[in-house]
All heavy atoms as atom14 arrays in JSON, in Angstrom:
{
  "sequence": "TLVPASSGLVGQIALSRGRYLHLTLDLLFQP",
  "atom14_mask": [
    [1, 1, 1, 1, 1, 1, 1, 0, 0, 0, 0, 0, 0, 0],
    [1, 1, 1, 1, 1, 1, 1, 1, 0, 0, 0, 0, 0, 0],
    [1, 1, 1, 1, 1, 1, 1, 0, 0, 0, 0, 0, 0, 0],
    [1, 1, 1, 1, 1, 1, 1, 0, 0, 0, 0, 0, 0, 0],
    [1, 1, 1, 1, 1, 0, 0, 0, 0, 0, 0, 0, 0, 0],
    [1, 1, 1, 1, 1, 1, 0, 0, 0, 0, 0, 0, 0, 0],
    [1, 1, 1, 1, 1, 1, 0, 0, 0, 0, 0, 0, 0, 0],
    [1, 1, 1, 1, 0, 0, 0, 0, 0, 0, 0, 0, 0, 0],
    [1, 1, 1, 1, 1, 1, 1, 1, 0, 0, 0, 0, 0, 0],
    [1, 1, 1, 1, 1, 1, 1, 0, 0, 0, 0, 0, 0, 0],
    [1, 1, 1, 1, 0, 0, 0, 0, 0, 0, 0, 0, 0, 0],
    [1, 1, 1, 1, 1, 1, 1, 1, 1, 0, 0, 0, 0, 0],
    [1, 1, 1, 1, 1, 1, 1, 1, 0, 0, 0, 0, 0, 0],
    [1, 1, 1, 1, 1, 0, 0, 0, 0, 0, 0, 0, 0, 0],
    [1, 1, 1, 1, 1, 1, 1, 1, 0, 0, 0, 0, 0, 0],
    [1, 1, 1, 1, 1, 1, 0, 0, 0, 0, 0, 0, 0, 0],
    [1, 1, 1, 1, 1, 1, 1, 1, 1, 1, 1, 0, 0, 0],
    [1, 1, 1, 1, 0, 0, 0, 0, 0, 0, 0, 0, 0, 0],
    [1, 1, 1, 1, 1, 1, 1, 1, 1, 1, 1, 0, 0, 0],
    [1, 1, 1, 1, 1, 1, 1, 1, 1, 1, 1, 1, 0, 0],
    [1, 1, 1, 1, 1, 1, 1, 1, 0, 0, 0, 0, 0, 0],
    [1, 1, 1, 1, 1, 1, 1, 1, 1, 1, 0, 0, 0, 0],
    [1, 1, 1, 1, 1, 1, 1, 1, 0, 0, 0, 0, 0, 0],
    [1, 1, 1, 1, 1, 1, 1, 0, 0, 0, 0, 0, 0, 0],
    [1, 1, 1, 1, 1, 1, 1, 1, 0, 0, 0, 0, 0, 0],
    [1, 1, 1, 1, 1, 1, 1, 1, 0, 0, 0, 0, 0, 0],
    [1, 1, 1, 1, 1, 1, 1, 1, 0, 0, 0, 0, 0, 0],
    [1, 1, 1, 1, 1, 1, 1, 1, 0, 0, 0, 0, 0, 0],
    [1, 1, 1, 1, 1, 1, 1, 1, 1, 1, 1, 0, 0, 0],
    [1, 1, 1, 1, 1, 1, 1, 1, 1, 0, 0, 0, 0, 0],
    [1, 1, 1, 1, 1, 1, 1, 0, 0, 0, 0, 0, 0, 0]
  ],
  "atom14_positions": [
    [[57.95, -108.77, -45.77], [58.95, -108.33, -46.73], [60.07, -107.56, -46.15], [60.95, -107.08, -46.77], [58.31, -107.56, -47.92], [57.71, -106.4, -47.38], [57.32, -108.47, -48.69], [0.0, 0.0, 0.0], [0.0, 0.0, 0.0], [0.0, 0.0, 0.0], [0.0, 0.0, 0.0], [0.0, 0.0, 0.0], [0.0, 0.0, 0.0], [0.0, 0.0, 0.0]],
    [[59.9, -107.25, -44.84], [60.81, -106.31, -44.13], [61.81, -107.06, -43.22], [62.76, -106.45, -42.78], [60.03, -105.22, -43.34], [59.14, -104.32, -44.13], [58.26, -103.47, -43.22], [60.01, -103.5, -45.01], [0.0, 0.0, 0.0], [0.0, 0.0, 0.0], [0.0, 0.0, 0.0], [0.0, 0.0, 0.0], [0.0, 0.0, 0.0], [0.0, 0.0, 0.0]],
    [[61.5, -108.3, -42.87], [62.32, -109.05, -41.84], [62.89, -110.2, -42.52], [62.35, -110.77, -43.55], [61.46, -109.41, -40.6], [60.9, -108.19, -39.89], [60.42, -110.42, -40.97], [0.0, 0.0, 0.0], [0.0, 0.0, 0.0], [0.0, 0.0, 0.0], [0.0, 0.0, 0.0], [0.0, 0.0, 0.0], [0.0, 0.0, 0.0], [0.0, 0.0, 0.0]],
    [[64.07, -110.69, -42.12], [64.66, -111.96, -42.62], [63.74, -113.11, -42.43], [63.08, -113.21, -41.35], [65.98, -112.11, -41.91], [66.18, -110.69, -41.3], [64.87, -110.11, -41.07], [0.0, 0.0, 0.0], [0.0, 0.0, 0.0], [0.0, 0.0, 0.0], [0.0, 0.0, 0.0], [0.0, 0.0, 0.0], [0.0, 0.0, 0.0], [0.0, 0.0, 0.0]],
    [[63.69, -114.06, -43.42], [62.85, -115.27, -43.3], [63.22, -116.03, -42.05], [62.56, -116.76, -41.4], [62.9, -116.08, -44.52], [0.0, 0.0, 0.0], [0.0, 0.0, 0.0], [0.0, 0.0, 0.0], [0.0, 0.0, 0.0], [0.0, 0.0, 0.0], [0.0, 0.0, 0.0], [0.0, 0.0, 0.0], [0.0, 0.0, 0.0], [0.0, 0.0, 0.0]],
    [[64.6, -116.01, -41.71], [65.14, -116.79, -40.55], [64.76, -116.2, -39.26], [65.11, -116.75, -38.2], [66.59, -116.85, -40.74], [67.24, -115.55, -40.69], [0.0, 0.0, 0.0], [0.0, 0.0, 0.0], [0.0, 0.0, 0.0], [0.0, 0.0, 0.0], [0.0, 0.0, 0.0], [0.0, 0.0, 0.0], [0.0, 0.0, 0.0], [0.0, 0.0, 0.0]],
    [[64.1, -115.02, -39.15], [63.88, -114.35, -37.91], [62.8, -115.05, -37.14], [62.76, -114.88, -35.93], [63.44, -112.86, -38.15], [62.22, -112.82, -38.84], [0.0, 0.0, 0.0], [0.0, 0.0, 0.0], [0.0, 0.0, 0.0], [0.0, 0.0, 0.0], [0.0, 0.0, 0.0], [0.0, 0.0, 0.0], [0.0, 0.0, 0.0], [0.0, 0.0, 0.0]],
    [[61.86, -115.68, -37.76], [60.74, -116.3, -37.05], [59.63, -115.4, -36.77], [58.72, -115.72, -36.06], [0.0, 0.0, 0.0], [0.0, 0.0, 0.0], [0.0, 0.0, 0.0], [0.0, 0.0, 0.0], [0.0, 0.0, 0.0], [0.0, 0.0, 0.0], [0.0, 0.0, 0.0], [0.0, 0.0, 0.0], [0.0, 0.0, 0.0], [0.0, 0.0, 0.0]],
    [[59.67, -114.17, -37.37], [58.7, -113.14, -37.06], [57.64, -113.05, -38.21], [58.07, -113.11, -39.43], [59.36, -111.79, -36.91], [60.35, -111.6, -35.76], [61.18, -110.35, -35.9], [59.49, -111.44, -34.41], [0.0, 0.0, 0.0], [0.0, 0.0, 0.0], [0.0, 0.0, 0.0], [0.0, 0.0, 0.0], [0.0, 0.0, 0.0], [0.0, 0.0, 0.0]],
    [[56.42, -112.88, -37.86], [55.38, -112.57, -38.83], [54.46, -111.6, -38.11], [54.48, -111.41, -36.87], [54.54, -113.78, -39.23], [55.42, -114.8, -40.02], [53.9, -114.5, -37.99], [0.0, 0.0, 0.0], [0.0, 0.0, 0.0], [0.0, 0.0, 0.0], [0.0, 0.0, 0.0], [0.0, 0.0, 0.0], [0.0, 0.0, 0.0], [0.0, 0.0, 0.0]],
    [[53.57, -110.92, -38.91], [52.61, -110.0, -38.33], [52.52, -108.68, -39.02], [52.93, -108.53, -40.26], [0.0, 0.0, 0.0], [0.0, 0.0, 0.0], [0.0, 0.0, 0.0], [0.0, 0.0, 0.0], [0.0, 0.0, 0.0], [0.0, 0.0, 0.0], [0.0, 0.0, 0.0], [0.0, 0.0, 0.0], [0.0, 0.0, 0.0], [0.0, 0.0, 0.0]],
    [[51.99, -107.7, -38.43], [51.79, -106.38, -38.99], [51.89, -105.26, -37.95], [51.69, -105.57, -36.8], [50.36, -106.3, -39.72], [49.23, -106.73, -38.88], [48.95, -108.11, -38.85], [49.06, -108.77, -39.94], [48.54, -108.71, -37.74], [0.0, 0.0, 0.0], [0.0, 0.0, 0.0], [0.0, 0.0, 0.0], [0.0, 0.0, 0.0], [0.0, 0.0, 0.0]],
    [[52.17, -104.06, -38.46], [52.26, -102.93, -37.59], [51.58, -101.73, -38.21], [51.58, -101.55, -39.48], [53.77, -102.55, -37.43], [54.56, -103.76, -36.74], [53.98, -101.31, -36.56], [56.05, -103.58, -36.88], [0.0, 0.0, 0.0], [0.0, 0.0, 0.0], [0.0, 0.0, 0.0], [0.0, 0.0, 0.0], [0.0, 0.0, 0.0], [0.0, 0.0, 0.0]],
    [[50.94, -100.87, -37.45], [50.23, -99.69, -37.92], [50.62, -98.48, -37.13], [50.75, -98.51, -35.85], [48.77, -99.91, -37.89], [0.0, 0.0, 0.0], [0.0, 0.0, 0.0], [0.0, 0.0, 0.0], [0.0, 0.0, 0.0], [0.0, 0.0, 0.0], [0.0, 0.0, 0.0], [0.0, 0.0, 0.0], [0.0, 0.0, 0.0], [0.0, 0.0, 0.0]],
    [[50.83, -97.37, -37.76], [51.08, -96.07, -37.12], [49.77, -95.22, -37.44], [49.31, -95.14, -38.52], [52.3, -95.38, -37.7], [52.54, -93.99, -37.2], [52.9, -94.0, -35.73], [53.56, -93.24, -38.08], [0.0, 0.0, 0.0], [0.0, 0.0, 0.0], [0.0, 0.0, 0.0], [0.0, 0.0, 0.0], [0.0, 0.0, 0.0], [0.0, 0.0, 0.0]],
    [[49.27, -94.58, -36.46], [48.13, -93.67, -36.52], [48.36, -92.45, -35.77], [49.2, -92.46, -34.81], [46.81, -94.36, -36.06], [46.89, -94.65, -34.69], [0.0, 0.0, 0.0], [0.0, 0.0, 0.0], [0.0, 0.0, 0.0], [0.0, 0.0, 0.0], [0.0, 0.0, 0.0], [0.0, 0.0, 0.0], [0.0, 0.0, 0.0], [0.0, 0.0, 0.0]],
    [[47.72, -91.4, -36.28], [47.92, -90.11, -35.59], [46.6, -89.36, -35.28], [45.7, -89.25, -36.22], [48.76, -89.15, -36.58], [48.98, -87.75, -35.89], [49.74, -86.88, -36.91], [49.91, -85.52, -36.38], [50.45, -84.53, -37.02], [50.8, -84.69, -38.31], [50.68, -83.41, -36.5], [0.0, 0.0, 0.0], [0.0, 0.0, 0.0], [0.0, 0.0, 0.0]],
    [[46.37, -89.1, -33.96], [45.26, -88.29, -33.61], [45.77, -87.19, -32.78], [46.54, -86.45, -33.17], [0.0, 0.0, 0.0], [0.0, 0.0, 0.0], [0.0, 0.0, 0.0], [0.0, 0.0, 0.0], [0.0, 0.0, 0.0], [0.0, 0.0, 0.0], [0.0, 0.0, 0.0], [0.0, 0.0, 0.0], [0.0, 0.0, 0.0], [0.0, 0.0, 0.0]],
    [[45.24, -87.03, -31.52], [45.87, -86.08, -30.65], [47.29, -86.49, -30.35], [48.24, -85.68, -30.13], [45.1, -86.08, -29.35], [45.66, -85.02, -28.33], [44.81, -84.99, -27.07], [43.43, -84.63, -27.29], [42.45, -84.64, -26.39], [42.75, -85.0, -25.14], [41.23, -84.28, -26.66], [0.0, 0.0, 0.0], [0.0, 0.0, 0.0], [0.0, 0.0, 0.0]],
    [[47.56, -87.84, -30.35], [48.9, -88.47, -30.1], [49.26, -89.37, -31.29], [48.29, -89.94, -31.95], [48.99, -89.23, -28.81], [48.47, -88.37, -27.58], [47.22, -88.63, -27.07], [49.4, -87.48, -27.08], [46.82, -87.88, -26.0], [48.94, -86.82, -25.89], [47.68, -86.96, -25.39], [47.23, -86.27, -24.35], [0.0, 0.0, 0.0], [0.0, 0.0, 0.0]],
    [[50.48, -89.74, -31.42], [50.92, -90.81, -32.3], [50.68, -92.15, -31.61], [50.93, -92.2, -30.39], [52.42, -90.66, -32.71], [52.73, -89.53, -33.69], [54.21, -89.4, -33.75], [52.12, -89.83, -35.07], [0.0, 0.0, 0.0], [0.0, 0.0, 0.0], [0.0, 0.0, 0.0], [0.0, 0.0, 0.0], [0.0, 0.0, 0.0], [0.0, 0.0, 0.0]],
    [[50.2, -93.17, -32.31], [50.09, -94.45, -31.69], [50.7, -95.5, -32.68], [50.5, -95.5, -33.87], [48.64, -94.82, -31.43], [48.0, -94.28, -30.24], [47.3, -93.12, -30.23], [48.03, -94.7, -28.98], [46.87, -92.86, -29.01], [47.37, -93.76, -28.24], [0.0, 0.0, 0.0], [0.0, 0.0, 0.0], [0.0, 0.0, 0.0], [0.0, 0.0, 0.0]],
    [[51.51, -96.43, -32.03], [52.06, -97.57, -32.84], [51.35, -98.8, -32.3], [51.38, -99.1, -31.15], [53.61, -97.63, -32.61], [54.33, -98.59, -33.5], [54.3, -98.07, -34.94], [55.81, -98.73, -33.01], [0.0, 0.0, 0.0], [0.0, 0.0, 0.0], [0.0, 0.0, 0.0], [0.0, 0.0, 0.0], [0.0, 0.0, 0.0], [0.0, 0.0, 0.0]],
    [[50.72, -99.55, -33.23], [50.1, -100.76, -32.95], [50.89, -101.96, -33.55], [51.14, -102.03, -34.72], [48.65, -100.74, -33.52], [47.81, -99.72, -32.98], [47.88, -102.04, -33.3], [0.0, 0.0, 0.0], [0.0, 0.0, 0.0], [0.0, 0.0, 0.0], [0.0, 0.0, 0.0], [0.0, 0.0, 0.0], [0.0, 0.0, 0.0], [0.0, 0.0, 0.0]],
    [[51.21, -102.87, -32.58], [51.98, -104.03, -32.94], [51.11, -105.27, -32.8], [50.36, -105.44, -31.89], [53.11, -104.18, -32.02], [54.19, -103.03, -31.92], [55.15, -103.23, -30.78], [54.84, -102.77, -33.19], [0.0, 0.0, 0.0], [0.0, 0.0, 0.0], [0.0, 0.0, 0.0], [0.0, 0.0, 0.0], [0.0, 0.0, 0.0], [0.0, 0.0, 0.0]],
    [[51.17, -106.05, -33.83], [50.44, -107.33, -33.85], [51.33, -108.42, -34.44], [51.35, -108.71, -35.63], [49.21, -107.21, -34.79], [48.2, -108.28, -34.51], [48.49, -109.25, -33.81], [47.05, -108.17, -35.17], [0.0, 0.0, 0.0], [0.0, 0.0, 0.0], [0.0, 0.0, 0.0], [0.0, 0.0, 0.0], [0.0, 0.0, 0.0], [0.0, 0.0, 0.0]],
    [[52.22, -108.94, -33.57], [53.37, -109.78, -34.05], [53.37, -111.16, -33.34], [52.87, -111.33, -32.28], [54.7, -109.08, -33.66], [54.96, -107.68, -34.15], [56.21, -107.15, -33.5], [54.91, -107.62, -35.63], [0.0, 0.0, 0.0], [0.0, 0.0, 0.0], [0.0, 0.0, 0.0], [0.0, 0.0, 0.0], [0.0, 0.0, 0.0], [0.0, 0.0, 0.0]],
    [[53.8, -112.15, -34.14], [54.02, -113.51, -33.67], [55.59, -113.84, -33.89], [56.13, -113.54, -34.91], [53.16, -114.51, -34.46], [51.76, -114.61, -33.96], [50.98, -115.6, -34.96], [51.65, -115.19, -32.61], [0.0, 0.0, 0.0], [0.0, 0.0, 0.0], [0.0, 0.0, 0.0], [0.0, 0.0, 0.0], [0.0, 0.0, 0.0], [0.0, 0.0, 0.0]],
    [[56.08, -114.51, -32.99], [57.49, -115.01, -33.01], [57.57, -116.44, -32.72], [57.12, -116.95, -31.72], [58.31, -114.2, -31.97], [59.75, -114.65, -31.87], [60.55, -114.9, -32.97], [60.3, -114.87, -30.54], [61.87, -115.29, -32.88], [61.56, -115.27, -30.41], [62.38, -115.47, -31.56], [0.0, 0.0, 0.0], [0.0, 0.0, 0.0], [0.0, 0.0, 0.0]],
    [[58.18, -117.16, -33.66], [58.42, -118.62, -33.52], [59.93, -118.82, -33.53], [60.56, -118.82, -34.64], [57.77, -119.4, -34.64], [57.94, -120.91, -34.53], [57.08, -121.63, -35.54], [56.29, -121.11, -36.31], [57.24, -122.92, -35.57], [0.0, 0.0, 0.0], [0.0, 0.0, 0.0], [0.0, 0.0, 0.0], [0.0, 0.0, 0.0], [0.0, 0.0, 0.0]],
    [[60.54, -118.98, -32.35], [62.04, -119.13, -32.3], [62.48, -120.36, -33.0], [61.86, -121.43, -33.05], [62.28, -119.32, -30.81], [61.1, -118.73, -30.12], [59.9, -119.07, -31.05], [0.0, 0.0, 0.0], [0.0, 0.0, 0.0], [0.0, 0.0, 0.0], [0.0, 0.0, 0.0], [0.0, 0.0, 0.0], [0.0, 0.0, 0.0], [0.0, 0.0, 0.0]]
  ]
}
């Protein structure tokens, strides 16, 4: 719901915080 349908992108992203911040990307791109 955050990217244009024409982008070819699907997937999910997570932010977590421990001693450090971590960004986890789990993305697929179909040009």
